[in-house]
Structure formats: C-alpha cells, structure tokens
Amino acid sequence: MRVLDTICALVPILGAAQAMWRMQCLNFDGIYRIDPLVSPGKLSDHAHTFHGSPGFGMNISHDEIRAGSCTSCLVTHDKSVYWTPPLMFQYPNGTTVVLEQIGGMLAYYEQLPIVPIPQPGQTTAFPAGFRMIAGDNTRRGSTLPATIEQKSVWVFDPKMREQSTLAQLAIGFNCLNYKGTPEPFDDRNKLPGRHVLDSCADGLRLELTFPSCWDGEHLDSPDHKSHVAYSSLVFDGTCPEGFEKRLPTLKYETIFNVAKYNGVEGKFMLSNGDETGYSYHGDYVMGWDEKFLQDAVDGCQNRSGLVGDCQYFKDAIQPENAAASCHFNPPEKAQEENCAGPRLGNCHGPDGHAGSKSCPAKRKRSDNCGSSPVQNGNIPSLAAIKHQSRSTVATQLPAPPTPLAVPPPASSRNPKIKIVIEEVTVEETTTQWIKRAEATELPGAAHHSHAGHVQRHQNLHKRHGHHHG
C-alpha cells in the first residue's frame, strides 16, 4: 500500500476541496441516433443528446469541431462535444417520450485535491485530438459489493481497486429534493425504483465520471477506453502503472424532470432500452485549443467552480440565449426519425425499429424488441411504412389510444393540458393519429432556469460539501 493512497483517501474527510470549474452546456434541439465514436459513418443503435460544438455528423474530428460556428457551452473557447443517452419514459401502450432536461448539462473539470493547492504542471490538459468513453452500453447488472465501504478503507481491499469496480462506481443517480435532506453524492449506482423517483421533486441527477489517468501516448484506442484508467479512488487517489499521466477529472451531471410523471403508470429507461441504469455512458471529444486549456488547468485554482471566477474565461462567457441559439444540423438520415417522441418504442436498434438483430430468439416483455411492433412498443419509421401495403400498415399502426396516447402529468402538478392532433397520411393508404399532451405550467410554478440550476448546485456544495466519499 502506498502512503499517497491513504493521504488522498483522507483528503475529502479533512475537508480539502478540488480546484475545478463547471462548464454549463445547453443541449441541442432533439436527440439523434448518432455516435461518431462507436458507430462512425452510420446510425447508432440508440439515441443520444449532444452538447458543445455542432461541427460533427456521422464522423468527428478535432479540426472539424474546432471549426464549428458556435458552441452550446457558456465559454466560447470550449468547442468540445459531449454526449450521453437521455432518460425516457414509456407508457403502458408503448408510447415513449424523452424527459425534459433541466438546465442543460454541467461538465466538471476537476483537479486532484493535493494540500494546499494543485501545482502547475501537476495535471496535464487533454491534448488536441483526445477522445474517450466512460460507462458500458452493454452492462445490465452489477458486480459491486453489497456494501460499499468508505473510501478511507478502499486501499485495503484489492477488489475496490479493479478497473471494472471503479467504472461502476463512476456512475450515480441522485434524487433531488431541495426542500429535503440531500442524498450523499454518488451514493446510488443504478436507476432507482418508482418509490424513490416519485419523491424526486427537483429531478433525478445522472452523474458520470470519466477516467483521469492516461498512458501519455495514445489519443484514442479501439474501444475508446484502453488508453485511460480510473485512479484508485475514482475521483482522486493514485494512477495505476502505465497510466501515470494525470488528466483533469471530467464529470457530467444532467438533471431530468422525473417529477412530471409522479403517479403516472409506466416505466423509466435510458434511450438504449435499459431500465436498470447500469449501462449509463458518455462520450467526450476534446475541442479546446490545447495551450489555452493547459493555461486554464494551471491557472484556474478557484474552489467555487464558477467559470466567471477564472481569469481565462471572464472575457469568453456568452449569455445563455447565445448558447441556446447554437444549433446542430444532423445528417439527413438521422432527421427522418422522431427519437424525442412521442412515438411508439424508443428509437432503439440497428434499423430503428422492431426486427433488431440483437433481439433474442425467445423474447420477453422487457426485451423492448419483438416480432410485433405494437406489442413491444416499436413501429417502423414512416419512411419504411410508405413502401408497404395497406393491409400491412394497418396491422402495424395502433388504433388511437383512449383517451390520450400520452397520459397527462400527475394531478399534483395541476397542469393545463392542450391536446394537439396531427394527421399524417402515408401514401393515402392509412392514417396515423398521434396525440401529444403539451403541459404548460400554471402561473407561479417553479421555473427551472439554467442559472437557478447552477446556483442550487453551488448552494448544496456550500451546505453539504462537494466531496466524493
């Protein structure tokens, strides 16, 4: 056991805080089946929500995103691209919608907490062309111990030092209720059940921490993971042999409005169909000027996390409406699908609908794929339908649900409901009726602004400490 491990395990307990900044990024309109790292040049098997530079498509490169015309992040120097699978809600009739994302996304750039402060050169900025993935899209179960000990004793347990264990601990689902007692940070590593979700008045925060130890040589690897590793305590601790180069600890936080569905029958899932949450993952492609980022890493030693407290960012902060006006123009193939919903199914699968090659021979109700698109919550895209016969289409499109395809939100929110009925004709052979419920808040309802989202983060950090143990 190395002495530094023990010191780093005790630092959060002693109250030392990381130097960091929180990059606020607004999300682009819509979600798309695009993943230029895992599925370059083609549609991916599930949808993602994106933040940052719009200079990419089915493929991505450092030069292209640097040349992007804007960024949805508040600091204009940041042309990085950040993406994750969004959280979705599926009604019993198979209608699926993407949950509202409150305040966009926060991308934390944190440094190892060495007393008294991190030293210049101690942390290496992400180099130009760097990219990586955190999480595992295929994971559906946990190998974590039943009880997770405090980090101060992790150094005594070899199991807790395994990369697989650390990767699972890097995922968190935090139930937010600002009027109640906050949950411990990163205390839950799976999507909670409805008994918990229905109590998250201010949303469910999905948390994902990336590896911060680098081999110092490769900008990427075939699996987009092997060139990096987690430190011994996930957020801090020491780097394993062969990965001694310390990077900023990058962490994503995204809050989804689960409270809108309190008491509504249905289930939550990630856009890849995972109801457990174990498969939560994210991608990062560095889009900064490398020298500027290194200067910021060395010079931004404030503890507040506010980008305005860093001298390198003060003259490069754009207003929220400017960040929100940065639009992504997705490839035409991705525009054909309504992945955000309301739609039947969750826009999941190699071809976007039922009949996925990954469907098991013996299907279960929870497989989210199957021979009957309606029964399993999936229908073909309109582009696929229009080449089929009237009789075939009639069997694949459900009758208009009664009373609504999308049930109203919980009565406790007391929303006004406006019903919009759209008629979509498919080569004059049949008509698909889609009913959308557009809820508008009553006067006096809480407004979840992005600034308020960041301010609540800061207040909670002051009250309860932004620690990782």
Protein backbone atom coordinates (compact mmCIF):
# COMPACT_ATOMS: atom_id res chain seq x y z
CA MET A 1 0.00 0.00 0.00
CA ARG A 2 1.35 3.42 -0.95
CA VAL A 3 1.24 6.28 1.55
CA LEU A 4 -0.21 8.67 -1.04
CA ASP A 5 -3.28 6.45 -1.41
CA THR A 6 -4.04 6.84 2.27
CA ILE A 7 -3.46 10.59 2.15
CA CYS A 8 -5.75 11.00 -0.86
CA ALA A 9 -8.42 8.86 0.79
CA LEU A 10 -8.33 11.13 3.84
CA VAL A 11 -8.33 14.45 1.95
CA PRO A 12 -12.12 14.54 1.39
CA ILE A 13 -12.65 13.68 5.05
CA LEU A 14 -10.30 16.50 6.12
CA GLY A 15 -12.30 18.93 4.02
CA ALA A 16 -9.87 19.87 1.24
CA ALA A 17 -11.65 20.75 -1.98
CA GLN A 18 -10.64 20.34 -5.59
CA ALA A 19 -9.78 23.22 -7.86
CA MET A 20 -12.36 22.95 -10.61
CA TRP A 21 -14.72 24.67 -12.97
CA ARG A 22 -18.23 23.69 -14.01
CA MET A 23 -18.83 24.16 -17.71
CA GLN A 24 -22.51 24.82 -18.32
CA CYS A 25 -23.71 23.50 -21.68
CA LEU A 26 -27.18 23.74 -23.13
CA ASN A 27 -28.42 20.82 -25.18
CA PHE A 28 -29.17 20.89 -28.89
CA ASP A 29 -32.76 20.54 -30.06
CA GLY A 30 -33.79 16.92 -30.48
CA ILE A 31 -31.95 13.66 -29.94
CA TYR A 32 -30.48 11.54 -32.68
CA ARG A 33 -29.18 8.04 -33.36
CA ILE A 34 -25.66 9.32 -33.85
CA ASP A 35 -22.47 8.15 -32.15
CA PRO A 36 -19.45 9.21 -34.23
CA LEU A 37 -17.04 7.31 -31.95
CA VAL A 38 -18.79 3.93 -31.63
CA SER A 39 -20.69 3.97 -34.94
CA PRO A 40 -18.78 6.25 -37.33
CA GLY A 41 -20.39 6.77 -40.71
CA LYS A 42 -23.74 5.16 -39.83
CA LEU A 43 -26.70 5.39 -37.48
CA SER A 44 -26.02 4.11 -33.98
CA ASP A 45 -28.26 1.58 -32.24
CA HIS A 46 -29.70 4.13 -29.81
CA ALA A 47 -30.16 7.88 -29.50
CA HIS A 48 -28.04 10.47 -27.71
CA THR A 49 -28.33 14.07 -26.64
CA PHE A 50 -25.42 16.36 -27.56
CA HIS A 51 -23.76 19.48 -26.18
CA GLY A 52 -20.94 21.70 -27.38
CA SER A 53 -19.72 22.33 -30.93
CA PRO A 54 -22.07 21.47 -33.84
CA GLY A 55 -19.12 20.73 -36.14
CA PHE A 56 -19.69 16.99 -36.50
CA GLY A 57 -22.02 14.44 -38.04
CA MET A 58 -21.74 10.70 -38.51
CA ASN A 59 -17.99 11.23 -38.11
CA ILE A 60 -16.00 13.59 -35.93
CA SER A 61 -12.54 15.16 -35.90
CA HIS A 62 -10.72 17.73 -33.78
CA ASP A 63 -10.29 20.16 -36.66
CA GLU A 64 -13.97 20.00 -37.62
CA ILE A 65 -15.33 20.65 -34.15
CA ARG A 66 -12.77 23.44 -33.62
CA ALA A 67 -14.12 24.99 -36.82
CA GLY A 68 -17.69 24.77 -35.55
CA SER A 69 -19.55 28.06 -35.94
CA CYS A 70 -20.64 28.19 -32.28
CA THR A 71 -20.88 26.24 -29.04
CA SER A 72 -23.82 25.48 -26.77
CA CYS A 73 -21.45 25.79 -23.77
CA LEU A 74 -21.18 29.13 -21.98
CA VAL A 75 -17.43 29.56 -22.59
CA THR A 76 -16.88 30.18 -26.28
CA HIS A 77 -13.38 28.65 -26.18
CA ASP A 78 -14.93 25.23 -25.48
CA LYS A 79 -15.64 23.54 -28.81
CA SER A 80 -15.63 20.05 -27.26
CA VAL A 81 -18.51 17.67 -27.91
CA TYR A 82 -20.21 15.88 -25.01
CA TRP A 83 -22.94 13.26 -25.42
CA THR A 84 -24.94 10.75 -23.36
CA PRO A 85 -28.11 8.65 -23.74
CA PRO A 86 -31.11 10.60 -22.40
CA LEU A 87 -33.64 9.32 -19.88
CA MET A 88 -37.01 8.30 -21.33
CA PHE A 89 -40.47 7.38 -20.06
CA GLN A 90 -42.59 4.66 -21.64
CA TYR A 91 -46.36 4.42 -21.08
CA PRO A 92 -48.13 1.04 -20.88
CA ASN A 93 -49.31 1.38 -24.51
CA GLY A 94 -45.68 1.66 -25.69
CA THR A 95 -45.64 5.42 -26.31
CA THR A 96 -42.23 6.75 -25.35
CA VAL A 97 -41.04 10.30 -24.70
CA VAL A 98 -37.72 11.86 -23.73
CA LEU A 99 -37.79 13.56 -20.36
CA GLU A 100 -37.25 17.28 -20.05
CA GLN A 101 -33.63 18.10 -19.27
CA ILE A 102 -33.41 20.77 -16.57
CA GLY A 103 -30.71 23.37 -17.11
CA GLY A 104 -28.73 21.54 -19.78
CA MET A 105 -25.61 19.69 -18.66
CA LEU A 106 -22.72 20.52 -16.35
CA ALA A 107 -19.27 19.27 -17.32
CA TYR A 108 -16.90 19.41 -14.36
CA TYR A 109 -13.17 19.80 -14.93
CA GLU A 110 -11.63 18.89 -11.57
CA GLN A 111 -8.08 18.51 -10.33
CA LEU A 112 -6.58 16.13 -7.79
CA PRO A 113 -7.00 17.58 -4.26
CA ILE A 114 -3.42 17.95 -3.04
CA VAL A 115 -2.97 20.09 0.07
CA PRO A 116 -2.70 23.04 -0.06
CA ILE A 117 -3.45 23.50 -3.80
CA PRO A 118 -2.69 21.69 -7.06
CA GLN A 119 0.59 22.82 -8.61
CA PRO A 120 1.06 23.99 -12.22
CA GLY A 121 2.04 21.07 -14.42
CA GLN A 122 0.67 18.53 -11.97
CA THR A 123 -2.37 17.99 -14.21
CA THR A 124 -1.98 17.61 -17.99
CA ALA A 125 -4.70 19.16 -20.11
CA PHE A 126 -6.47 16.94 -22.62
CA PRO A 127 -4.34 17.05 -25.78
CA ALA A 128 -5.72 18.03 -29.19
CA GLY A 129 -7.49 15.06 -30.78
CA PHE A 130 -8.12 13.34 -27.46
CA ARG A 131 -11.32 11.31 -27.04
CA MET A 132 -12.70 8.74 -24.62
CA ILE A 133 -15.79 6.92 -23.38
CA ALA A 134 -16.96 6.22 -19.84
CA GLY A 135 -19.52 3.57 -18.93
CA ASP A 136 -20.63 0.39 -20.69
CA ASN A 137 -23.64 0.40 -23.02
CA THR A 138 -24.00 -3.40 -22.67
CA ARG A 139 -23.98 -3.63 -18.86
CA ARG A 140 -27.28 -4.66 -17.27
CA GLY A 141 -26.12 -5.87 -13.85
CA SER A 142 -23.68 -5.01 -11.08
CA THR A 143 -20.63 -6.79 -9.70
CA LEU A 144 -20.18 -4.28 -6.89
CA PRO A 145 -20.06 -5.48 -3.29
CA ALA A 146 -23.39 -5.43 -1.47
CA THR A 147 -21.98 -2.82 0.89
CA ILE A 148 -19.58 -0.11 -0.26
CA GLU A 149 -17.14 0.88 2.45
CA GLN A 150 -15.92 4.45 2.94
CA LYS A 151 -13.09 5.42 0.61
CA SER A 152 -10.70 5.64 3.52
CA VAL A 153 -10.61 1.83 3.63
CA TRP A 154 -10.68 1.12 -0.12
CA VAL A 155 -6.91 0.90 -0.20
CA PHE A 156 -7.10 -2.27 1.91
CA ASP A 157 -9.46 -4.10 -0.48
CA PRO A 158 -7.98 -5.30 -3.82
CA LYS A 159 -11.50 -5.71 -5.26
CA MET A 160 -12.11 -1.99 -4.86
CA ARG A 161 -9.01 -1.22 -6.94
CA GLU A 162 -10.14 -3.18 -10.00
CA GLN A 163 -10.96 -1.05 -13.03
CA SER A 164 -14.33 -2.77 -13.51
CA THR A 165 -15.33 -1.89 -9.95
CA LEU A 166 -14.14 1.70 -10.25
CA ALA A 167 -16.01 2.14 -13.56
CA GLN A 168 -19.28 1.06 -11.95
CA LEU A 169 -18.69 3.41 -9.03
CA ALA A 170 -18.23 6.26 -11.52
CA ILE A 171 -21.98 6.26 -12.27
CA GLY A 172 -24.52 7.93 -10.00
CA PHE A 173 -28.27 8.60 -9.83
CA ASN A 174 -29.06 11.32 -7.31
CA CYS A 175 -32.66 12.03 -6.28
CA LEU A 176 -33.05 15.80 -5.82
CA ASN A 177 -35.45 17.46 -3.41
CA TYR A 178 -34.11 20.85 -2.43
CA LYS A 179 -36.59 21.16 0.44
CA GLY A 180 -35.47 17.87 2.00
CA THR A 181 -32.22 16.30 3.16
CA PRO A 182 -29.85 15.86 0.21
CA GLU A 183 -28.69 12.37 -0.66
CA PRO A 184 -24.96 11.65 -0.38
CA PHE A 185 -23.09 12.37 -3.58
CA ASP A 186 -22.66 9.35 -5.94
CA ASP A 187 -24.44 7.14 -3.38
CA ARG A 188 -26.56 5.17 -5.87
CA ASN A 189 -25.14 3.36 -8.89
CA LYS A 190 -28.37 2.27 -10.59
CA LEU A 191 -31.64 3.79 -11.73
CA PRO A 192 -33.87 3.83 -8.63
CA GLY A 193 -37.37 2.38 -8.45
CA ARG A 194 -40.59 4.36 -8.62
CA HIS A 195 -40.83 4.55 -4.81
CA VAL A 196 -37.72 6.74 -4.96
CA LEU A 197 -38.32 8.50 -8.27
CA ASP A 198 -41.74 9.74 -7.21
CA SER A 199 -40.05 11.63 -4.37
CA CYS A 200 -37.54 13.48 -6.59
CA ALA A 201 -39.38 16.80 -6.64
CA ASP A 202 -36.49 18.65 -8.28
CA GLY A 203 -35.42 15.91 -10.66
CA LEU A 204 -33.10 12.95 -10.96
CA ARG A 205 -29.45 13.86 -11.50
CA LEU A 206 -27.48 11.42 -13.65
CA GLU A 207 -23.75 11.52 -12.88
CA LEU A 208 -20.88 10.09 -14.88
CA THR A 209 -17.17 10.40 -14.09
CA PHE A 210 -14.50 9.71 -16.71
CA PRO A 211 -11.07 8.13 -16.12
CA SER A 212 -8.40 10.69 -15.22
CA CYS A 213 -5.24 8.58 -15.71
CA TRP A 214 -3.69 8.50 -19.19
CA ASP A 215 -0.94 6.41 -20.80
CA GLY A 216 0.59 9.67 -22.04
CA GLU A 217 0.81 8.47 -25.63
CA HIS A 218 -2.44 7.48 -27.34
CA LEU A 219 -5.17 9.99 -28.11
CA ASP A 220 -7.67 7.16 -28.54
CA SER A 221 -7.88 3.37 -28.55
CA PRO A 222 -10.03 0.82 -30.42
CA ASP A 223 -12.56 0.62 -27.58
CA HIS A 224 -12.06 4.32 -26.71
CA LYS A 225 -11.19 3.26 -23.15
CA SER A 226 -7.91 1.32 -23.08
CA HIS A 227 -5.69 4.41 -23.28
CA VAL A 228 -7.09 5.70 -19.97
CA ALA A 229 -7.79 4.28 -16.49
CA TYR A 230 -9.50 5.28 -13.28
CA SER A 231 -7.44 6.39 -10.31
CA SER A 232 -7.61 4.24 -7.18
CA LEU A 233 -10.46 6.27 -5.66
CA VAL A 234 -12.29 7.14 -8.92
CA PHE A 235 -12.18 10.91 -8.40
CA ASP A 236 -8.81 11.05 -6.71
CA GLY A 237 -6.18 8.61 -5.37
CA THR A 238 -3.25 7.33 -7.42
CA CYS A 239 -2.99 6.24 -11.04
CA PRO A 240 -2.20 2.61 -11.94
CA GLU A 241 1.08 1.57 -13.50
CA GLY A 242 1.31 2.52 -17.16
CA PHE A 243 -1.21 5.36 -16.76
CA GLU A 244 0.76 7.79 -14.63
CA LYS A 245 -0.12 10.93 -16.59
CA ARG A 246 -2.81 12.78 -14.64
CA LEU A 247 -5.67 14.41 -16.61
CA PRO A 248 -8.44 16.65 -15.28
CA THR A 249 -11.25 14.58 -13.79
CA LEU A 250 -14.13 15.10 -16.20
CA LYS A 251 -17.61 14.55 -14.84
CA TYR A 252 -21.05 15.02 -16.43
CA GLU A 253 -24.16 15.95 -14.46
CA THR A 254 -27.59 16.07 -16.11
CA ILE A 255 -30.91 16.57 -14.32
CA PHE A 256 -34.13 15.12 -15.74
CA ASN A 257 -37.64 16.16 -14.71
CA VAL A 258 -38.96 12.86 -13.36
CA ALA A 259 -41.45 14.70 -11.11
CA LYS A 260 -43.68 15.35 -14.12
CA TYR A 261 -44.53 11.64 -14.12
CA ASN A 262 -45.33 11.20 -10.43
CA GLY A 263 -48.14 8.70 -10.15
CA VAL A 264 -48.27 8.10 -13.92
CA GLU A 265 -48.28 4.45 -14.93
CA GLY A 266 -45.24 3.49 -16.96
CA LYS A 267 -41.51 2.96 -16.65
CA PHE A 268 -38.28 4.92 -16.97
CA MET A 269 -35.42 3.76 -19.16
CA LEU A 270 -32.34 5.02 -20.92
CA SER A 271 -32.59 5.53 -24.67
CA ASN A 272 -30.87 2.16 -25.23
CA GLY A 273 -33.83 0.43 -23.57
CA ASP A 274 -32.03 -0.19 -20.27
CA GLU A 275 -34.35 0.02 -17.26
CA THR A 276 -31.57 -0.69 -14.73
CA GLY A 277 -29.35 2.32 -15.43
CA TYR A 278 -26.20 0.21 -15.18
CA SER A 279 -25.43 0.94 -18.83
CA TYR A 280 -25.30 4.71 -18.46
CA HIS A 281 -22.37 6.01 -20.50
CA GLY A 282 -20.97 9.08 -22.16
CA ASP A 283 -18.55 10.21 -24.84
CA TYR A 284 -16.08 13.10 -24.90
CA VAL A 285 -14.13 14.60 -27.77
CA MET A 286 -11.73 17.38 -26.80
CA GLY A 287 -12.33 20.62 -28.71
CA TRP A 288 -10.26 23.22 -26.87
CA ASP A 289 -7.13 24.94 -28.04
CA GLU A 290 -4.59 22.76 -26.25
CA LYS A 291 -2.37 25.57 -24.93
CA PHE A 292 -5.35 27.59 -23.73
CA LEU A 293 -6.75 24.58 -21.89
CA GLN A 294 -3.39 23.89 -20.21
CA ASP A 295 -3.20 27.53 -19.09
CA ALA A 296 -6.70 27.27 -17.66
CA VAL A 297 -5.93 23.98 -15.89
CA ASP A 298 -2.81 25.54 -14.33
CA GLY A 299 -4.35 28.92 -13.59
CA CYS A 300 -7.97 28.29 -12.58
CA GLN A 301 -7.41 27.34 -8.96
CA ASN A 302 -10.69 28.66 -7.56
CA ARG A 303 -12.88 26.38 -5.43
CA SER A 304 -16.24 27.87 -6.38
CA GLY A 305 -16.44 26.06 -9.70
CA LEU A 306 -17.86 29.17 -11.41
CA VAL A 307 -16.32 29.83 -14.81
CA GLY A 308 -16.59 33.55 -14.11
CA ASP A 309 -14.11 33.17 -11.26
CA CYS A 310 -11.37 32.08 -13.66
CA GLN A 311 -9.44 34.91 -15.31
CA TYR A 312 -9.04 32.88 -18.50
CA PHE A 313 -12.79 32.63 -19.05
CA LYS A 314 -14.08 36.05 -17.98
CA ASP A 315 -13.93 37.60 -21.46
CA ALA A 316 -15.23 34.48 -23.21
CA ILE A 317 -18.52 33.84 -21.40
CA GLN A 318 -21.57 34.12 -23.64
CA PRO A 319 -25.14 34.65 -22.39
CA GLU A 320 -27.46 31.66 -22.18
CA ASN A 321 -29.58 32.81 -25.11
CA ALA A 322 -26.47 32.87 -27.31
CA ALA A 323 -25.52 29.36 -26.24
CA ALA A 324 -29.11 28.22 -26.79
CA SER A 325 -29.07 29.65 -30.32
CA CYS A 326 -26.22 27.31 -31.33
CA HIS A 327 -27.96 24.72 -33.49
CA PHE A 328 -26.81 21.32 -34.68
CA ASN A 329 -27.73 20.28 -38.21
CA PRO A 330 -27.92 16.47 -38.02
CA PRO A 331 -27.32 14.25 -41.05
CA GLU A 332 -30.42 13.80 -43.19
CA LYS A 333 -30.65 10.11 -42.34
CA ALA A 334 -30.92 10.96 -38.62
CA GLN A 335 -33.56 13.63 -39.23
CA GLU A 336 -36.06 11.06 -40.53
CA GLU A 337 -36.72 9.70 -37.04
CA ASN A 338 -38.64 11.25 -34.19
CA CYS A 339 -36.39 9.90 -31.45
CA ALA A 340 -37.52 12.53 -28.94
CA GLY A 341 -41.11 11.30 -29.16
CA PRO A 342 -43.92 10.91 -28.54
CA ARG A 343 -43.50 7.73 -30.55
CA LEU A 344 -44.06 4.03 -30.16
CA GLY A 345 -40.81 2.49 -28.99
CA ASN A 346 -37.58 4.19 -28.03
CA CYS A 347 -35.80 4.65 -31.38
CA HIS A 348 -33.54 1.73 -30.49
CA GLY A 349 -31.96 -0.87 -32.75
CA PRO A 350 -29.67 -1.07 -35.77
CA ASP A 351 -32.59 -0.26 -38.11
CA GLY A 352 -34.54 1.95 -35.74
CA HIS A 353 -37.49 -0.37 -35.15
CA ALA A 354 -38.50 -3.92 -34.35
CA GLY A 355 -36.62 -6.71 -36.00
CA SER A 356 -33.28 -5.77 -34.47
CA LYS A 357 -30.60 -8.39 -34.98
CA SER A 358 -29.85 -8.15 -31.26
CA CYS A 359 -33.31 -9.41 -30.27
CA PRO A 360 -33.13 -12.78 -28.51
CA ALA A 361 -34.83 -15.82 -30.03
CA LYS A 362 -37.12 -16.14 -27.01
CA ARG A 363 -38.37 -12.65 -26.33
CA LYS A 364 -39.56 -11.32 -23.04
CA ARG A 365 -41.84 -8.36 -22.48
CA SER A 366 -38.87 -6.39 -21.17
CA ASP A 367 -36.70 -7.04 -24.23
CA ASN A 368 -38.03 -3.86 -25.87
CA CYS A 369 -37.96 -5.55 -29.27
CA GLY A 370 -40.01 -8.26 -30.91
CA SER A 371 -41.97 -9.58 -33.82
CA SER A 372 -44.98 -7.41 -33.11
CA PRO A 373 -44.02 -3.73 -33.21
CA VAL A 374 -47.17 -2.62 -31.44
CA GLN A 375 -46.99 -5.20 -28.67
CA ASN A 376 -43.37 -4.45 -27.90
CA GLY A 377 -43.56 -0.69 -28.19
CA ASN A 378 -41.89 -0.27 -31.59
CA ILE A 379 -43.20 0.69 -35.02
CA PRO A 380 -41.35 1.10 -38.31
CA SER A 381 -40.41 4.60 -39.37
CA LEU A 382 -42.75 6.37 -41.79
CA ALA A 383 -40.10 6.02 -44.48
CA ALA A 384 -40.28 2.24 -44.10
CA ILE A 385 -44.06 2.16 -43.87
CA LYS A 386 -44.76 4.04 -47.09
CA HIS A 387 -43.45 1.16 -49.21
CA GLN A 388 -45.72 -1.38 -47.56
CA SER A 389 -49.25 -2.44 -48.48
CA ARG A 390 -52.38 -1.02 -46.86
CA SER A 391 -53.07 -4.29 -45.01
CA THR A 392 -49.53 -4.49 -43.62
CA VAL A 393 -49.58 -0.91 -42.42
CA ALA A 394 -52.95 -1.37 -40.79
CA THR A 395 -51.61 -4.16 -38.62
CA GLN A 396 -48.58 -2.14 -37.53
CA LEU A 397 -50.26 1.12 -36.61
CA PRO A 398 -52.36 1.01 -33.43
CA ALA A 399 -55.81 2.49 -33.15
CA PRO A 400 -55.86 5.91 -31.50
CA PRO A 401 -55.43 5.25 -27.76
CA THR A 402 -58.17 6.40 -25.42
CA PRO A 403 -58.21 9.00 -24.10
CA LEU A 404 -54.62 10.06 -24.84
CA ALA A 405 -51.53 8.47 -26.35
CA VAL A 406 -49.59 10.44 -23.76
CA PRO A 407 -51.41 10.49 -20.40
CA PRO A 408 -51.45 13.82 -18.57
CA PRO A 409 -48.84 14.55 -15.90
CA ALA A 410 -49.59 13.93 -12.25
CA SER A 411 -52.50 15.87 -10.83
CA SER A 412 -50.26 17.20 -8.08
CA ARG A 413 -48.57 19.44 -10.70
CA ASN A 414 -52.03 20.72 -11.74
CA PRO A 415 -51.04 21.49 -15.34
CA LYS A 416 -53.14 22.87 -18.10
CA ILE A 417 -53.38 20.42 -20.99
CA LYS A 418 -53.56 21.37 -24.62
CA ILE A 419 -54.21 18.45 -26.97
CA VAL A 420 -52.74 18.65 -30.44
CA ILE A 421 -53.91 16.13 -33.01
CA GLU A 422 -51.82 15.66 -36.12
CA GLU A 423 -52.89 13.69 -39.19
CA VAL A 424 -50.06 12.02 -41.03
CA THR A 425 -51.05 10.42 -44.33
CA VAL A 426 -48.85 7.61 -45.66
CA GLU A 427 -49.30 7.39 -49.46
CA GLU A 428 -53.05 7.72 -48.93
CA THR A 429 -53.28 4.19 -47.57
CA THR A 430 -53.84 4.78 -43.88
CA THR A 431 -53.83 7.47 -41.24
CA GLN A 432 -51.77 7.53 -38.09
CA TRP A 433 -53.21 9.57 -35.29
CA ILE A 434 -50.68 10.92 -32.83
CA LYS A 435 -51.89 12.75 -29.77
CA ARG A 436 -49.45 14.89 -27.85
CA ALA A 437 -50.08 16.42 -24.48
CA GLU A 438 -48.27 19.70 -24.13
CA ALA A 439 -48.30 20.70 -20.47
CA THR A 440 -47.88 24.35 -19.58
CA GLU A 441 -47.15 25.36 -16.00
CA LEU A 442 -49.70 27.35 -14.04
CA PRO A 443 -48.73 30.88 -13.01
CA GLY A 444 -46.41 30.81 -10.04
CA ALA A 445 -44.93 27.42 -10.86
CA ALA A 446 -41.22 27.00 -10.22
CA HIS A 447 -39.11 27.98 -13.21
CA HIS A 448 -36.15 25.67 -13.71
CA SER A 449 -33.74 28.14 -15.30
CA HIS A 450 -30.20 27.17 -16.11
CA ALA A 451 -28.85 29.87 -13.79
CA GLY A 452 -31.04 28.57 -10.99
CA HIS A 453 -29.81 25.04 -11.65
CA VAL A 454 -26.18 26.17 -11.26
CA GLN A 455 -26.98 28.29 -8.22
CA ARG A 456 -28.66 25.33 -6.46
CA HIS A 457 -25.56 23.26 -7.17
CA GLN A 458 -23.42 25.94 -5.54
CA ASN A 459 -25.71 26.22 -2.51
CA LEU A 460 -25.69 22.45 -1.96
CA HIS A 461 -21.90 22.42 -2.22
CA LYS A 462 -21.73 25.07 0.49
CA ARG A 463 -24.21 23.29 2.78
CA HIS A 464 -23.07 19.71 2.36
CA GLY A 465 -19.65 19.84 0.75
CA HIS A 466 -18.82 18.67 -2.76
CA HIS A 467 -16.96 15.57 -1.72
CA HIS A 468 -16.62 12.09 -3.12
CA GLY A 469 -16.55 9.82 -0.15
